[in-house]
Amino acid sequence: MNERLRSAIHAQGMTPAQLAQTIGVDPKSVERWITKGRNPYAKTRAAVALALQQSENYLWPDALPEQKAKLVSESELVHTYAKRNDVPAELWSRIFRQATRHIGVLAYAGLFLPEGDAGLVPLLKAKAAEGVKVSILLGDPKSTAVELRGEEEGVGKGMQRRIEAVLPFYQQLEGTPGIWVGFHDTTLYNSIYWCDSEMLVNTHVLGCYASHAPVMHLKELPGGGMFRTFTECFERVLANSVNIWTGQQGTMRP
C-alpha cells in the first residue's frame, strides 16, 4: 500500500478516478499504484507529482536504482557559499518571490531576512492570498535550545533578544489565512529557507555566527534524496511547533 500517494490524493480533494482522468490514465492503474505499490513510468510520475503538488521522490522513494538515486541526490547541490553573507541578495529575493506552493523558514531568529528586505512581510501576505502555504518557525526564546545556542555563539542572551526583535515583523501576519508562525524548542544543526523546489541551508557551526557559516543552495530533482532530507527535518519541527498566537500545535504539510 502506497500510503503517501493515497494521502496526497485525498489532501487535494480528489479520488483515484479523478486523478486518473486528470493525467490521462486508466483508473485501474492508479488503484494498482496505491494498493499494490506499483511504480508508474517516469513521465507519468512527473504528471502525478504535478497534479498532487508533491515531489516524485516523496511519493515513490524507491523508484530509482540506488546508484542512480545517489548521483541525482548529489546533483541537487547547486552551489556552496563559504558564508551566509556571500549569498547574493537577488537569490534570496528570487526564491521567495517565485514561490507558488510553499514558503518555509526554520531558524532560531533569522532576523536578517525581514531586516534586509522591507518588502518581505507584505510579500508573505500576498503569497498567502494566492494560496501559497507559509510556515515561519522560530526558536522559543524560553527554551534550553535557544539558551545553549546563545552560549555557543558567545552572545549569551543575545539570541533571545534577536528572537524578540524579529517577532514584531511577523506579528503583522497575525490572522492571515495560510500563514503559520510558530515557536520550536529544537536543537538546530541548520537553518532552512525552503521555497518550492529550491532551498538555502545555513549550517550551524560551534562558536561561529550563522552569518559566517557556510550555506548550501539546493534544487530538488526527481528521485533525489538530499533535498528531501531537509524537507523532512522541516516538517518534523513544524509538527511539533506551537503557534505563537493560538498555542495550537502544528501539523505536517499536506
Protein backbone atom coordinates (compact mmCIF):
# COMPACT_ATOMS: atom_id res chain seq x y z
CA MET A 1 0.00 0.00 0.00
CA ASN A 2 1.40 3.37 -1.03
CA GLU A 3 0.03 5.45 1.84
CA ARG A 4 1.86 8.58 0.73
CA LEU A 5 0.15 8.53 -2.64
CA ARG A 6 -3.24 7.75 -1.16
CA SER A 7 -2.94 10.57 1.38
CA ALA A 8 -1.71 13.05 -1.23
CA ILE A 9 -4.74 12.30 -3.44
CA HIS A 10 -7.13 12.88 -0.55
CA ALA A 11 -5.28 16.04 0.52
CA GLN A 12 -6.07 17.53 -2.91
CA GLY A 13 -9.75 16.65 -2.51
CA MET A 14 -9.54 14.11 -5.30
CA THR A 15 -10.44 10.46 -5.81
CA PRO A 16 -8.16 7.97 -7.59
CA ALA A 17 -10.55 8.08 -10.56
CA GLN A 18 -10.33 11.88 -10.73
CA LEU A 19 -6.54 11.72 -10.63
CA ALA A 20 -6.61 9.16 -13.46
CA GLN A 21 -8.78 11.49 -15.53
CA THR A 22 -6.51 14.47 -14.81
CA ILE A 23 -3.35 12.75 -16.01
CA GLY A 24 -4.99 10.63 -18.72
CA VAL A 25 -4.53 7.07 -17.48
CA ASP A 26 -6.81 4.13 -16.67
CA PRO A 27 -8.31 4.38 -13.15
CA LYS A 28 -7.23 0.79 -12.55
CA SER A 29 -3.61 1.90 -12.96
CA VAL A 30 -3.98 4.44 -10.16
CA GLU A 31 -5.58 1.79 -7.95
CA ARG A 32 -2.61 -0.52 -8.56
CA TRP A 33 -0.16 2.25 -7.69
CA ILE A 34 -1.97 2.68 -4.37
CA THR A 35 -2.90 -0.87 -3.38
CA LYS A 36 -0.02 -2.84 -4.89
CA GLY A 37 2.76 -0.29 -4.59
CA ARG A 38 3.43 -0.28 -8.34
CA ASN A 39 5.65 2.49 -9.71
CA PRO A 40 4.44 4.27 -12.89
CA TYR A 41 6.78 5.29 -15.69
CA ALA A 42 8.93 8.39 -15.17
CA LYS A 43 6.79 10.65 -17.38
CA THR A 44 3.65 9.58 -15.53
CA ARG A 45 5.29 10.03 -12.14
CA ALA A 46 6.09 13.62 -13.10
CA ALA A 47 2.47 14.26 -14.13
CA VAL A 48 1.13 12.79 -10.88
CA ALA A 49 3.56 14.80 -8.76
CA LEU A 50 2.50 17.99 -10.54
CA ALA A 51 -1.20 17.23 -10.12
CA LEU A 52 -0.78 16.44 -6.41
CA GLN A 53 1.73 19.24 -5.69
CA GLN A 54 4.19 16.75 -4.25
CA SER A 55 7.68 15.65 -5.20
CA GLU A 56 8.18 12.38 -7.07
CA ASN A 57 10.73 11.13 -4.57
CA TYR A 58 8.24 11.67 -1.74
CA LEU A 59 5.50 9.68 -3.50
CA TRP A 60 7.85 6.93 -4.80
CA PRO A 61 11.08 6.96 -2.76
CA ASP A 62 12.24 3.63 -4.24
CA ALA A 63 11.55 4.43 -7.91
CA LEU A 64 15.23 4.85 -8.89
CA PRO A 65 18.06 2.32 -8.51
CA GLU A 66 20.31 3.12 -5.55
CA GLN A 67 23.35 4.22 -7.57
CA LYS A 68 21.31 6.49 -9.85
CA ALA A 69 19.46 7.95 -6.86
CA LYS A 70 22.84 8.71 -5.27
CA LEU A 71 24.03 10.57 -8.36
CA VAL A 72 20.77 12.51 -8.62
CA SER A 73 20.97 13.47 -4.94
CA GLU A 74 24.48 14.82 -5.40
CA SER A 75 23.27 16.84 -8.38
CA GLU A 76 20.74 18.62 -6.14
CA LEU A 77 23.60 20.69 -4.70
CA VAL A 78 23.69 23.79 -6.90
CA HIS A 79 26.33 25.82 -5.08
CA THR A 80 28.03 26.20 -1.71
CA TYR A 81 28.77 29.61 -0.22
CA ALA A 82 31.56 29.96 2.34
CA LYS A 83 29.45 32.37 4.41
CA ARG A 84 25.78 33.32 4.54
CA ASN A 85 26.87 36.88 3.87
CA ASP A 86 28.20 35.68 0.50
CA VAL A 87 24.76 34.56 -0.74
CA PRO A 88 23.62 37.13 -3.34
CA ALA A 89 20.69 39.26 -2.21
CA GLU A 90 18.97 38.60 -5.53
CA LEU A 91 18.99 34.84 -4.82
CA TRP A 92 17.16 35.31 -1.53
CA SER A 93 14.71 37.63 -3.26
CA ARG A 94 14.13 35.36 -6.25
CA ILE A 95 13.32 32.14 -4.42
CA PHE A 96 10.79 33.87 -2.15
CA ARG A 97 9.13 35.83 -4.95
CA GLN A 98 8.92 32.87 -7.35
CA ALA A 99 7.28 30.53 -4.83
CA THR A 100 3.86 29.27 -5.90
CA ARG A 101 3.26 26.40 -3.44
CA HIS A 102 5.02 26.88 -0.13
CA ILE A 103 7.50 29.06 1.72
CA GLY A 104 9.21 27.80 4.85
CA VAL A 105 11.64 29.43 7.27
CA LEU A 106 13.21 27.35 10.04
CA ALA A 107 15.69 29.23 12.23
CA TYR A 108 16.20 30.47 15.74
CA ALA A 109 15.61 34.09 14.72
CA GLY A 110 16.58 34.73 11.08
CA LEU A 111 16.40 38.43 11.83
CA PHE A 112 18.47 39.29 8.76
CA LEU A 113 15.57 38.35 6.45
CA PRO A 114 12.94 40.97 7.39
CA GLU A 115 15.60 43.49 8.38
CA GLY A 116 17.27 43.22 5.00
CA ASP A 117 14.09 43.17 2.91
CA ALA A 118 11.38 45.65 3.89
CA GLY A 119 9.05 44.01 1.37
CA LEU A 120 9.24 40.52 2.88
CA VAL A 121 6.24 40.73 5.21
CA PRO A 122 3.91 42.26 2.56
CA LEU A 123 5.18 39.62 0.13
CA LEU A 124 4.28 36.80 2.53
CA LYS A 125 0.78 38.22 2.90
CA ALA A 126 0.39 38.47 -0.86
CA LYS A 127 1.71 34.93 -1.38
CA ALA A 128 -0.70 33.54 1.21
CA ALA A 129 -3.57 35.28 -0.57
CA GLU A 130 -2.50 33.44 -3.74
CA GLY A 131 -2.71 30.09 -1.95
CA VAL A 132 0.95 29.66 -1.00
CA LYS A 133 1.38 27.90 2.36
CA VAL A 134 3.74 29.91 4.58
CA SER A 135 5.43 28.44 7.67
CA ILE A 136 7.74 30.54 9.85
CA LEU A 137 9.38 28.54 12.66
CA LEU A 138 11.31 30.49 15.29
CA GLY A 139 13.15 29.35 18.38
CA ASP A 140 11.20 29.59 21.62
CA PRO A 141 13.14 32.29 23.49
CA LYS A 142 12.49 30.45 26.77
CA SER A 143 13.82 27.11 25.51
CA THR A 144 17.04 25.40 26.50
CA ALA A 145 18.00 25.07 22.83
CA VAL A 146 17.97 28.85 22.34
CA GLU A 147 19.88 29.45 25.56
CA LEU A 148 22.53 26.91 24.55
CA ARG A 149 22.90 28.36 21.04
CA GLY A 150 23.44 31.81 22.55
CA GLU A 151 26.21 30.41 24.73
CA GLU A 152 27.79 28.55 21.79
CA GLU A 153 27.84 31.69 19.63
CA GLY A 154 29.24 33.69 22.50
CA VAL A 155 26.33 36.13 22.53
CA GLY A 156 24.65 34.96 25.75
CA LYS A 157 21.15 36.43 25.94
CA GLY A 158 21.70 37.98 22.53
CA MET A 159 19.96 35.04 20.86
CA GLN A 160 16.78 35.61 22.86
CA ARG A 161 16.96 39.31 22.03
CA ARG A 162 17.22 38.55 18.31
CA ILE A 163 14.06 36.46 18.51
CA GLU A 164 12.30 39.24 20.40
CA ALA A 165 13.47 41.67 17.72
CA VAL A 166 12.14 39.59 14.83
CA LEU A 167 8.71 38.98 16.38
CA PRO A 168 7.27 42.47 15.61
CA PHE A 169 7.86 41.82 11.89
CA TYR A 170 5.92 38.56 11.91
CA GLN A 171 3.25 39.84 14.32
CA GLN A 172 1.98 41.78 11.30
CA LEU A 173 0.92 38.44 9.80
CA GLU A 174 -1.46 37.55 12.64
CA GLY A 175 -4.82 36.37 11.35
CA THR A 176 -3.64 35.91 7.77
CA PRO A 177 -5.11 32.65 6.37
CA GLY A 178 -2.45 30.23 5.13
CA ILE A 179 0.33 31.57 7.36
CA TRP A 180 1.74 29.69 10.36
CA VAL A 181 4.18 31.36 12.73
CA GLY A 182 5.29 29.05 15.50
CA PHE A 183 7.86 28.56 18.24
CA HIS A 184 10.02 25.44 18.37
CA ASP A 185 12.41 24.14 21.02
CA THR A 186 14.51 22.03 18.66
CA THR A 187 18.29 21.90 18.60
CA LEU A 188 19.04 23.09 15.08
CA TYR A 189 22.06 21.91 13.12
CA ASN A 190 20.97 24.01 10.14
CA SER A 191 18.61 26.87 9.41
CA ILE A 192 16.40 26.06 6.43
CA TYR A 193 14.87 28.51 3.96
CA TRP A 194 12.61 26.46 1.68
CA CYS A 195 10.69 27.84 -1.32
CA ASP A 196 9.02 25.21 -3.53
CA SER A 197 11.82 23.19 -5.15
CA GLU A 198 14.70 25.43 -4.00
CA MET A 199 16.30 25.74 -0.61
CA LEU A 200 19.09 27.56 1.18
CA VAL A 201 20.54 25.60 4.10
CA ASN A 202 22.63 27.65 6.54
CA THR A 203 24.85 25.31 8.56
CA HIS A 204 25.38 25.86 12.29
CA VAL A 205 29.00 25.68 13.46
CA LEU A 206 30.11 25.67 17.09
CA GLY A 207 31.44 29.08 18.11
CA CYS A 208 30.51 30.68 14.78
CA TYR A 209 27.78 33.19 13.94
CA ALA A 210 25.28 31.82 11.42
CA SER A 211 26.11 34.75 9.13
CA HIS A 212 29.71 33.47 8.96
CA ALA A 213 28.81 29.79 8.43
CA PRO A 214 28.50 28.01 5.05
CA VAL A 215 25.27 27.89 3.07
CA MET A 216 24.19 25.21 0.59
CA HIS A 217 21.90 26.11 -2.31
CA LEU A 218 19.83 23.04 -3.16
CA LYS A 219 17.39 22.43 -6.01
CA GLU A 220 15.09 19.41 -5.87
CA LEU A 221 15.39 16.81 -8.62
CA PRO A 222 13.08 13.85 -9.31
CA GLY A 223 14.49 10.84 -7.48
CA GLY A 224 16.97 12.85 -5.39
CA GLY A 225 17.26 12.41 -1.63
CA MET A 226 19.36 15.27 -0.28
CA PHE A 227 16.64 17.88 -0.68
CA ARG A 228 14.11 15.52 0.88
CA THR A 229 16.35 15.02 3.94
CA PHE A 230 15.97 18.69 4.81
CA THR A 231 12.26 18.94 3.96
CA GLU A 232 11.57 16.01 6.28
CA CYS A 233 13.54 17.76 9.02
CA PHE A 234 11.49 20.92 8.44
CA GLU A 235 8.22 19.01 8.65
CA ARG A 236 9.20 17.27 11.89
CA VAL A 237 9.90 20.63 13.52
CA LEU A 238 6.68 22.08 12.06
CA ALA A 239 4.63 19.22 13.51
CA ASN A 240 5.97 19.94 16.99
CA SER A 241 5.88 23.74 16.82
CA VAL A 242 3.36 25.84 18.74
CA ASN A 243 1.52 28.73 17.10
CA ILE A 244 2.63 32.00 18.70
CA TRP A 245 -0.90 33.42 18.63
CA THR A 246 -3.20 30.48 19.37
CA GLY A 247 -0.99 27.97 21.19
CA GLN A 248 -2.13 25.33 18.72
CA GLN A 249 0.37 22.59 17.88
CA GLY A 250 1.50 22.36 14.28
CA THR A 251 0.75 19.68 11.72
CA MET A 252 2.68 18.11 8.87
CA ARG A 253 2.39 19.74 5.48
CA PRO A 254 -0.30 18.02 3.32
